Amino acid sequence: MHSSFACDPVLSGKASSFLVGVPKAKQRKIIALIFQISDHSGQLGDYSTQDDIGRDIQHLLLGDWQFSFWADHAVRKLGVTEIPEL
């Protein structure tokens, strides 16, 4: 269940393109994992990098995918930048 303190996930064009290109069963799994991440948006990933504007991007390996995301707690948004399949 989606927590009332969670961030709302917002997918980049790259993440959205990946999501619509996978079969529906995988889409459901990926969406469930995105909501799990958004429910715990303060968690650290397995590693982090910085984007071009200096924002920390967390990279978390879950299932068959690596989720790249950043959280903006001030506006309660979780930006999902990439979801490459491993």
PDB file of N, CA and C in Angstrom:
ATOM      1  N   MET A   1       0.843  -1.183   0.000  1.00  0.00           N
ATOM      2  CA  MET A   1       0.000   0.000   0.000  1.00  0.00           C
ATOM      3  C   MET A   1       0.882   1.238   0.000  1.00  0.00           C
ATOM      4  N   HIS A   2       0.471   2.259  -0.675  1.00  0.00           N
ATOM      5  CA  HIS A   2       1.215   3.493  -0.814  1.00  0.00           C
ATOM      6  C   HIS A   2       1.099   4.314   0.472  1.00  0.00           C
ATOM      7  N   SER A   3       2.216   4.644   1.088  1.00  0.00           N
ATOM      8  CA  SER A   3       2.246   5.384   2.347  1.00  0.00           C
ATOM      9  C   SER A   3       1.833   6.839   2.158  1.00  0.00           C
ATOM     10  N   SER A   4       1.198   7.416   3.172  1.00  0.00           N
ATOM     11  CA  SER A   4       0.787   8.825   3.080  1.00  0.00           C
ATOM     12  C   SER A   4       1.989   9.760   3.145  1.00  0.00           C
ATOM     13  N   PHE A   5       3.139   9.256   3.567  1.00  0.00           N
ATOM     14  CA  PHE A   5       4.342  10.076   3.647  1.00  0.00           C
ATOM     15  C   PHE A   5       5.265   9.857   2.455  1.00  0.00           C
ATOM     16  N   ALA A   6       4.837   9.055   1.531  1.00  0.00           N
ATOM     17  CA  ALA A   6       5.661   8.703   0.386  1.00  0.00           C
ATOM     18  C   ALA A   6       5.737   9.848  -0.611  1.00  0.00           C
ATOM     19  N   CYS A   7       6.742   9.751  -1.453  1.00  0.00           N
ATOM     20  CA  CYS A   7       6.872  10.676  -2.577  1.00  0.00           C
ATOM     21  C   CYS A   7       6.088  10.105  -3.759  1.00  0.00           C
ATOM     22  N   ASP A   8       5.592  10.981  -4.599  1.00  0.00           N
ATOM     23  CA  ASP A   8       4.931  10.549  -5.834  1.00  0.00           C
ATOM     24  C   ASP A   8       6.000  10.291  -6.888  1.00  0.00           C
ATOM     25  N   PRO A   9       5.993   9.113  -7.502  1.00  0.00           N
ATOM     26  CA  PRO A   9       6.992   8.835  -8.531  1.00  0.00           C
ATOM     27  C   PRO A   9       6.705   9.586  -9.827  1.00  0.00           C
ATOM     28  N   VAL A  10       7.778  10.116 -10.414  1.00  0.00           N
ATOM     29  CA  VAL A  10       7.712  10.807 -11.697  1.00  0.00           C
ATOM     30  C   VAL A  10       8.804  10.199 -12.576  1.00  0.00           C
ATOM     31  N   LEU A  11       8.406   9.625 -13.701  1.00  0.00           N
ATOM     32  CA  LEU A  11       9.368   8.950 -14.567  1.00  0.00           C
ATOM     33  C   LEU A  11       9.874   9.882 -15.661  1.00  0.00           C
ATOM     34  N   SER A  12      11.166   9.802 -15.922  1.00  0.00           N
ATOM     35  CA  SER A  12      11.753  10.549 -17.034  1.00  0.00           C
ATOM     36  C   SER A  12      11.273   9.937 -18.344  1.00  0.00           C
ATOM     37  N   GLY A  13      11.538  10.617 -19.429  1.00  0.00           N
ATOM     38  CA  GLY A  13      11.190  10.085 -20.739  1.00  0.00           C
ATOM     39  C   GLY A  13      11.891   8.762 -21.002  1.00  0.00           C
ATOM     40  N   LYS A  14      13.139   8.658 -20.594  1.00  0.00           N
ATOM     41  CA  LYS A  14      13.909   7.435 -20.802  1.00  0.00           C
ATOM     42  C   LYS A  14      13.311   6.275 -20.001  1.00  0.00           C
ATOM     43  N   ALA A  15      12.962   6.529 -18.744  1.00  0.00           N
ATOM     44  CA  ALA A  15      12.363   5.486 -17.898  1.00  0.00           C
ATOM     45  C   ALA A  15      10.983   5.102 -18.423  1.00  0.00           C
ATOM     46  N   SER A  16      10.209   6.095 -18.855  1.00  0.00           N
ATOM     47  CA  SER A  16       8.871   5.820 -19.396  1.00  0.00           C
ATOM     48  C   SER A  16       8.951   4.993 -20.667  1.00  0.00           C
ATOM     49  N   SER A  17       9.882   5.325 -21.538  1.00  0.00           N
ATOM     50  CA  SER A  17      10.053   4.579 -22.786  1.00  0.00           C
ATOM     51  C   SER A  17      10.410   3.129 -22.509  1.00  0.00           C
ATOM     52  N   PHE A  18      11.280   2.917 -21.532  1.00  0.00           N
ATOM     53  CA  PHE A  18      11.633   1.545 -21.170  1.00  0.00           C
ATOM     54  C   PHE A  18      10.396   0.803 -20.667  1.00  0.00           C
ATOM     55  N   LEU A  19       9.632   1.447 -19.782  1.00  0.00           N
ATOM     56  CA  LEU A  19       8.477   0.806 -19.158  1.00  0.00           C
ATOM     57  C   LEU A  19       7.423   0.388 -20.178  1.00  0.00           C
ATOM     58  N   VAL A  20       7.122   1.247 -21.139  1.00  0.00           N
ATOM     59  CA  VAL A  20       6.093   0.887 -22.124  1.00  0.00           C
ATOM     60  C   VAL A  20       6.585  -0.165 -23.115  1.00  0.00           C
ATOM     61  N   GLY A  21       7.888  -0.403 -23.147  1.00  0.00           N
ATOM     62  CA  GLY A  21       8.446  -1.373 -24.075  1.00  0.00           C
ATOM     63  C   GLY A  21       8.561  -2.789 -23.536  1.00  0.00           C
ATOM     64  N   VAL A  22       8.181  -2.993 -22.269  1.00  0.00           N
ATOM     65  CA  VAL A  22       8.270  -4.346 -21.700  1.00  0.00           C
ATOM     66  C   VAL A  22       6.868  -4.951 -21.603  1.00  0.00           C
ATOM     67  N   PRO A  23       6.775  -6.274 -21.545  1.00  0.00           N
ATOM     68  CA  PRO A  23       5.463  -6.922 -21.431  1.00  0.00           C
ATOM     69  C   PRO A  23       4.714  -6.491 -20.165  1.00  0.00           C
ATOM     70  N   LYS A  24       3.379  -6.581 -20.226  1.00  0.00           N
ATOM     71  CA  LYS A  24       2.522  -6.111 -19.125  1.00  0.00           C
ATOM     72  C   LYS A  24       2.876  -6.728 -17.778  1.00  0.00           C
ATOM     73  N   ALA A  25       3.207  -8.005 -17.744  1.00  0.00           N
ATOM     74  CA  ALA A  25       3.553  -8.654 -16.475  1.00  0.00           C
ATOM     75  C   ALA A  25       4.772  -7.988 -15.845  1.00  0.00           C
ATOM     76  N   LYS A  26       5.777  -7.683 -16.680  1.00  0.00           N
ATOM     77  CA  LYS A  26       6.970  -6.991 -16.179  1.00  0.00           C
ATOM     78  C   LYS A  26       6.626  -5.559 -15.784  1.00  0.00           C
ATOM     79  N   GLN A  27       5.745  -4.903 -16.554  1.00  0.00           N
ATOM     80  CA  GLN A  27       5.333  -3.539 -16.206  1.00  0.00           C
ATOM     81  C   GLN A  27       4.757  -3.500 -14.795  1.00  0.00           C
ATOM     82  N   ARG A  28       3.888  -4.470 -14.477  1.00  0.00           N
ATOM     83  CA  ARG A  28       3.271  -4.514 -13.147  1.00  0.00           C
ATOM     84  C   ARG A  28       4.320  -4.681 -12.054  1.00  0.00           C
ATOM     85  N   LYS A  29       5.308  -5.549 -12.289  1.00  0.00           N
ATOM     86  CA  LYS A  29       6.384  -5.758 -11.308  1.00  0.00           C
ATOM     87  C   LYS A  29       7.195  -4.485 -11.118  1.00  0.00           C
ATOM     88  N   ILE A  30       7.545  -3.840 -12.230  1.00  0.00           N
ATOM     89  CA  ILE A  30       8.362  -2.623 -12.175  1.00  0.00           C
ATOM     90  C   ILE A  30       7.600  -1.518 -11.456  1.00  0.00           C
ATOM     91  N   ILE A  31       6.327  -1.347 -11.776  1.00  0.00           N
ATOM     92  CA  ILE A  31       5.522  -0.303 -11.125  1.00  0.00           C
ATOM     93  C   ILE A  31       5.424  -0.567  -9.629  1.00  0.00           C
ATOM     94  N   ALA A  32       5.237  -1.821  -9.232  1.00  0.00           N
ATOM     95  CA  ALA A  32       5.186  -2.158  -7.805  1.00  0.00           C
ATOM     96  C   ALA A  32       6.505  -1.809  -7.121  1.00  0.00           C
ATOM     97  N   LEU A  33       7.622  -2.092  -7.789  1.00  0.00           N
ATOM     98  CA  LEU A  33       8.929  -1.761  -7.214  1.00  0.00           C
ATOM     99  C   LEU A  33       9.132  -0.255  -7.122  1.00  0.00           C
ATOM    100  N   ILE A  34       8.670   0.492  -8.112  1.00  0.00           N
ATOM    101  CA  ILE A  34       8.775   1.960  -8.065  1.00  0.00           C
ATOM    102  C   ILE A  34       8.004   2.498  -6.863  1.00  0.00           C
ATOM    103  N   PHE A  35       6.812   1.961  -6.607  1.00  0.00           N
ATOM    104  CA  PHE A  35       6.047   2.424  -5.449  1.00  0.00           C
ATOM    105  C   PHE A  35       6.696   2.002  -4.139  1.00  0.00           C
ATOM    106  N   GLN A  36       7.367   0.852  -4.114  1.00  0.00           N
ATOM    107  CA  GLN A  36       8.116   0.467  -2.913  1.00  0.00           C
ATOM    108  C   GLN A  36       9.232   1.463  -2.641  1.00  0.00           C
ATOM    109  N   ILE A  37       9.942   1.849  -3.694  1.00  0.00           N
ATOM    110  CA  ILE A  37      11.009   2.846  -3.536  1.00  0.00           C
ATOM    111  C   ILE A  37      10.418   4.168  -3.068  1.00  0.00           C
ATOM    112  N   SER A  38       9.306   4.589  -3.670  1.00  0.00           N
ATOM    113  CA  SER A  38       8.713   5.886  -3.299  1.00  0.00           C
ATOM    114  C   SER A  38       8.194   5.878  -1.861  1.00  0.00           C
ATOM    115  N   ASP A  39       7.790   4.706  -1.366  1.00  0.00           N
ATOM    116  CA  ASP A  39       7.354   4.603   0.031  1.00  0.00           C
ATOM    117  C   ASP A  39       8.519   4.756   1.005  1.00  0.00           C
ATOM    118  N   HIS A  40       9.739   4.528   0.516  1.00  0.00           N
ATOM    119  CA  HIS A  40      10.953   4.629   1.344  1.00  0.00           C
ATOM    120  C   HIS A  40      11.970   5.495   0.612  1.00  0.00           C
ATOM    121  N   SER A  41      11.546   6.671   0.209  1.00  0.00           N
ATOM    122  CA  SER A  41      12.349   7.514  -0.685  1.00  0.00           C
ATOM    123  C   SER A  41      13.635   8.047  -0.063  1.00  0.00           C
ATOM    124  N   GLY A  42      13.772   7.939   1.247  1.00  0.00           N
ATOM    125  CA  GLY A  42      15.003   8.402   1.892  1.00  0.00           C
ATOM    126  C   GLY A  42      16.104   7.357   1.908  1.00  0.00           C
ATOM    127  N   GLN A  43      15.797   6.163   1.422  1.00  0.00           N
ATOM    128  CA  GLN A  43      16.800   5.099   1.452  1.00  0.00           C
ATOM    129  C   GLN A  43      17.941   5.389   0.487  1.00  0.00           C
ATOM    130  N   LEU A  44      19.087   4.883   0.843  1.00  0.00           N
ATOM    131  CA  LEU A  44      20.230   5.005  -0.041  1.00  0.00           C
ATOM    132  C   LEU A  44      20.226   3.838  -1.007  1.00  0.00           C
ATOM    133  N   GLY A  45      20.750   4.071  -2.184  1.00  0.00           N
ATOM    134  CA  GLY A  45      20.863   3.007  -3.167  1.00  0.00           C
ATOM    135  C   GLY A  45      22.088   2.150  -2.895  1.00  0.00           C
ATOM    136  N   ASP A  46      22.368   1.247  -3.807  1.00  0.00           N
ATOM    137  CA  ASP A  46      23.573   0.433  -3.707  1.00  0.00           C
ATOM    138  C   ASP A  46      24.815   1.280  -3.976  1.00  0.00           C
ATOM    139  N   TYR A  47      24.641   2.308  -4.760  1.00  0.00           N
ATOM    140  CA  TYR A  47      25.691   3.308  -4.995  1.00  0.00           C
ATOM    141  C   TYR A  47      25.023   4.575  -5.501  1.00  0.00           C
ATOM    142  N   SER A  48      25.766   5.683  -5.521  1.00  0.00           N
ATOM    143  CA  SER A  48      25.196   6.938  -6.019  1.00  0.00           C
ATOM    144  C   SER A  48      26.174   7.620  -6.963  1.00  0.00           C
ATOM    145  N   THR A  49      25.611   8.447  -7.833  1.00  0.00           N
ATOM    146  CA  THR A  49      26.390   9.283  -8.737  1.00  0.00           C
ATOM    147  C   THR A  49      25.766  10.672  -8.696  1.00  0.00           C
ATOM    148  N   GLN A  50      26.377  11.609  -9.384  1.00  0.00           N
ATOM    149  CA  GLN A  50      25.796  12.945  -9.488  1.00  0.00           C
ATOM    150  C   GLN A  50      25.440  13.221 -10.941  1.00  0.00           C
ATOM    151  N   ASP A  51      24.288  13.895 -11.132  1.00  0.00           N
ATOM    152  CA  ASP A  51      23.912  14.279 -12.496  1.00  0.00           C
ATOM    153  C   ASP A  51      24.582  15.595 -12.854  1.00  0.00           C
ATOM    154  N   ASP A  52      24.266  16.124 -14.031  1.00  0.00           N
ATOM    155  CA  ASP A  52      24.948  17.341 -14.519  1.00  0.00           C
ATOM    156  C   ASP A  52      24.692  18.569 -13.655  1.00  0.00           C
ATOM    157  N   ILE A  53      23.630  18.587 -12.877  1.00  0.00           N
ATOM    158  CA  ILE A  53      23.375  19.758 -12.033  1.00  0.00           C
ATOM    159  C   ILE A  53      23.774  19.520 -10.567  1.00  0.00           C
ATOM    160  N   GLY A  54      24.460  18.390 -10.313  1.00  0.00           N
ATOM    161  CA  GLY A  54      24.981  18.117  -8.983  1.00  0.00           C
ATOM    162  C   GLY A  54      24.036  17.371  -8.058  1.00  0.00           C
ATOM    163  N   ARG A  55      22.918  16.925  -8.568  1.00  0.00           N
ATOM    164  CA  ARG A  55      21.938  16.195  -7.755  1.00  0.00           C
ATOM    165  C   ARG A  55      22.432  14.757  -7.557  1.00  0.00           C
ATOM    166  N   ASP A  56      22.314  14.244  -6.325  1.00  0.00           N
ATOM    167  CA  ASP A  56      22.690  12.863  -6.043  1.00  0.00           C
ATOM    168  C   ASP A  56      21.647  11.912  -6.619  1.00  0.00           C
ATOM    169  N   ILE A  57      22.092  11.016  -7.462  1.00  0.00           N
ATOM    170  CA  ILE A  57      21.228   9.995  -8.053  1.00  0.00           C
ATOM    171  C   ILE A  57      21.570   8.673  -7.370  1.00  0.00           C
ATOM    172  N   GLN A  58      20.565   8.057  -6.774  1.00  0.00           N
ATOM    173  CA  GLN A  58      20.738   6.752  -6.137  1.00  0.00           C
ATOM    174  C   GLN A  58      20.489   5.667  -7.182  1.00  0.00           C
ATOM    175  N   HIS A  59      21.250   4.602  -7.097  1.00  0.00           N
ATOM    176  CA  HIS A  59      21.102   3.463  -8.008  1.00  0.00           C
ATOM    177  C   HIS A  59      20.867   2.225  -7.150  1.00  0.00           C
ATOM    178  N   LEU A  60      19.691   1.635  -7.304  1.00  0.00           N
ATOM    179  CA  LEU A  60      19.278   0.520  -6.467  1.00  0.00           C
ATOM    180  C   LEU A  60      18.959  -0.692  -7.331  1.00  0.00           C
ATOM    181  N   LEU A  61      19.576  -1.813  -7.018  1.00  0.00           N
ATOM    182  CA  LEU A  61      19.327  -3.052  -7.747  1.00  0.00           C
ATOM    183  C   LEU A  61      18.182  -3.789  -7.070  1.00  0.00           C
ATOM    184  N   LEU A  62      17.107  -3.996  -7.819  1.00  0.00           N
ATOM    185  CA  LEU A  62      15.940  -4.727  -7.324  1.00  0.00           C
ATOM    186  C   LEU A  62      15.475  -5.682  -8.406  1.00  0.00           C
ATOM    187  N   GLY A  63      15.391  -6.940  -8.069  1.00  0.00           N
ATOM    188  CA  GLY A  63      14.945  -7.916  -9.062  1.00  0.00           C
ATOM    189  C   GLY A  63      15.871  -7.917 -10.262  1.00  0.00           C
ATOM    190  N   ASP A  64      15.285  -7.810 -11.434  1.00  0.00           N
ATOM    191  CA  ASP A  64      16.048  -7.837 -12.683  1.00  0.00           C
ATOM    192  C   ASP A  64      16.405  -6.443 -13.190  1.00  0.00           C
ATOM    193  N   TRP A  65      16.222  -5.419 -12.348  1.00  0.00           N
ATOM    194  CA  TRP A  65      16.396  -4.044 -12.806  1.00  0.00           C
ATOM    195  C   TRP A  65      17.260  -3.223 -11.870  1.00  0.00           C
ATOM    196  N   GLN A  66      17.831  -2.182 -12.434  1.00  0.00           N
ATOM    197  CA  GLN A  66      18.539  -1.180 -11.646  1.00  0.00           C
ATOM    198  C   GLN A  66      17.721   0.103 -11.745  1.00  0.00           C
ATOM    199  N   PHE A  67      17.245   0.589 -10.628  1.00  0.00           N
ATOM    200  CA  PHE A  67      16.453   1.812 -10.597  1.00  0.00           C
ATOM    201  C   PHE A  67      17.359   2.978 -10.229  1.00  0.00           C
ATOM    202  N   SER A  68      17.359   3.998 -11.068  1.00  0.00           N
ATOM    203  CA  SER A  68      18.115   5.219 -10.797  1.00  0.00           C
ATOM    204  C   SER A  68      17.102   6.299 -10.453  1.00  0.00           C
ATOM    205  N   PHE A  69      17.281   6.951  -9.286  1.00  0.00           N
ATOM    206  CA  PHE A  69      16.265   7.891  -8.809  1.00  0.00           C
ATOM    207  C   PHE A  69      16.863   8.947  -7.890  1.00  0.00           C
ATOM    208  N   TRP A  70      16.127   9.996  -7.704  1.00  0.00           N
ATOM    209  CA  TRP A  70      16.439  11.041  -6.719  1.00  0.00           C
ATOM    210  C   TRP A  70      15.130  11.466  -6.085  1.00  0.00           C
ATOM    211  N   ALA A  71      15.215  11.861  -4.837  1.00  0.00           N
ATOM    212  CA  ALA A  71      14.016  12.278  -4.111  1.00  0.00           C
ATOM    213  C   ALA A  71      14.079  13.769  -3.810  1.00  0.00           C
ATOM    214  N   ASP A  72      12.968  14.443  -4.016  1.00  0.00           N
ATOM    215  CA  ASP A  72      12.815  15.845  -3.615  1.00  0.00           C
ATOM    216  C   ASP A  72      11.722  15.862  -2.550  1.00  0.00           C
ATOM    217  N   HIS A  73      12.145  15.780  -1.295  1.00  0.00           N
ATOM    218  CA  HIS A  73      11.186  15.668  -0.202  1.00  0.00           C
ATOM    219  C   HIS A  73      10.388  16.949   0.014  1.00  0.00           C
ATOM    220  N   ALA A  74      10.913  18.089  -0.415  1.00  0.00           N
ATOM    221  CA  ALA A  74      10.181  19.349  -0.251  1.00  0.00           C
ATOM    222  C   ALA A  74       8.872  19.341  -1.029  1.00  0.00           C
ATOM    223  N   VAL A  75       8.876  18.711  -2.198  1.00  0.00           N
ATOM    224  CA  VAL A  75       7.662  18.644  -3.018  1.00  0.00           C
ATOM    225  C   VAL A  75       7.125  17.211  -3.116  1.00  0.00           C
ATOM    226  N   ARG A  76       7.717  16.305  -2.355  1.00  0.00           N
ATOM    227  CA  ARG A  76       7.286  14.902  -2.275  1.00  0.00           C
ATOM    228  C   ARG A  76       7.246  14.228  -3.646  1.00  0.00           C
ATOM    229  N   LYS A  77       8.352  14.357  -4.385  1.00  0.00           N
ATOM    230  CA  LYS A  77       8.485  13.728  -5.700  1.00  0.00           C
ATOM    231  C   LYS A  77       9.701  12.813  -5.712  1.00  0.00           C
ATOM    232  N   LEU A  78       9.552  11.689  -6.378  1.00  0.00           N
ATOM    233  CA  LEU A  78      10.657  10.765  -6.592  1.00  0.00           C
ATOM    234  C   LEU A  78      10.890  10.722  -8.093  1.00  0.00           C
ATOM    235  N   GLY A  79      12.000  11.272  -8.529  1.00  0.00           N
ATOM    236  CA  GLY A  79      12.337  11.277  -9.950  1.00  0.00           C
ATOM    237  C   GLY A  79      13.055   9.986 -10.330  1.00  0.00           C
ATOM    238  N   VAL A  80      12.414   9.183 -11.169  1.00  0.00           N
ATOM    239  CA  VAL A  80      13.024   7.945 -11.656  1.00  0.00           C
ATOM    240  C   VAL A  80      13.635   8.267 -13.016  1.00  0.00           C
ATOM    241  N   THR A  81      14.950   8.192 -13.090  1.00  0.00           N
ATOM    242  CA  THR A  81      15.648   8.623 -14.296  1.00  0.00           C
ATOM    243  C   THR A  81      15.899   7.493 -15.288  1.00  0.00           C
ATOM    244  N   GLU A  82      16.172   6.285 -14.765  1.00  0.00           N
ATOM    245  CA  GLU A  82      16.466   5.149 -15.639  1.00  0.00           C
ATOM    246  C   GLU A  82      16.031   3.852 -14.958  1.00  0.00           C
ATOM    247  N   ILE A  83      15.692   2.857 -15.783  1.00  0.00           N
ATOM    248  CA  ILE A  83      15.355   1.526 -15.275  1.00  0.00           C
ATOM    249  C   ILE A  83      15.968   0.489 -16.221  1.00  0.00           C
ATOM    250  N   PRO A  84      17.281   0.408 -16.288  1.00  0.00           N
ATOM    251  CA  PRO A  84      17.844  -0.591 -17.200  1.00  0.00           C
ATOM    252  C   PRO A  84      17.642  -2.010 -16.667  1.00  0.00           C
ATOM    253  N   GLU A  85      17.371  -2.914 -17.585  1.00  0.00           N
ATOM    254  CA  GLU A  85      17.239  -4.324 -17.213  1.00  0.00           C
ATOM    255  C   GLU A  85      18.630  -4.931 -17.124  1.00  0.00           C
ATOM    256  N   LEU A  86      18.832  -5.744 -16.111  1.00  0.00           N
ATOM    257  CA  LEU A  86      20.160  -6.358 -15.910  1.00  0.00           C
ATOM    258  C   LEU A  86      20.258  -7.687 -16.625  1.00  0.00           C
TER     259      LEU A  86
END
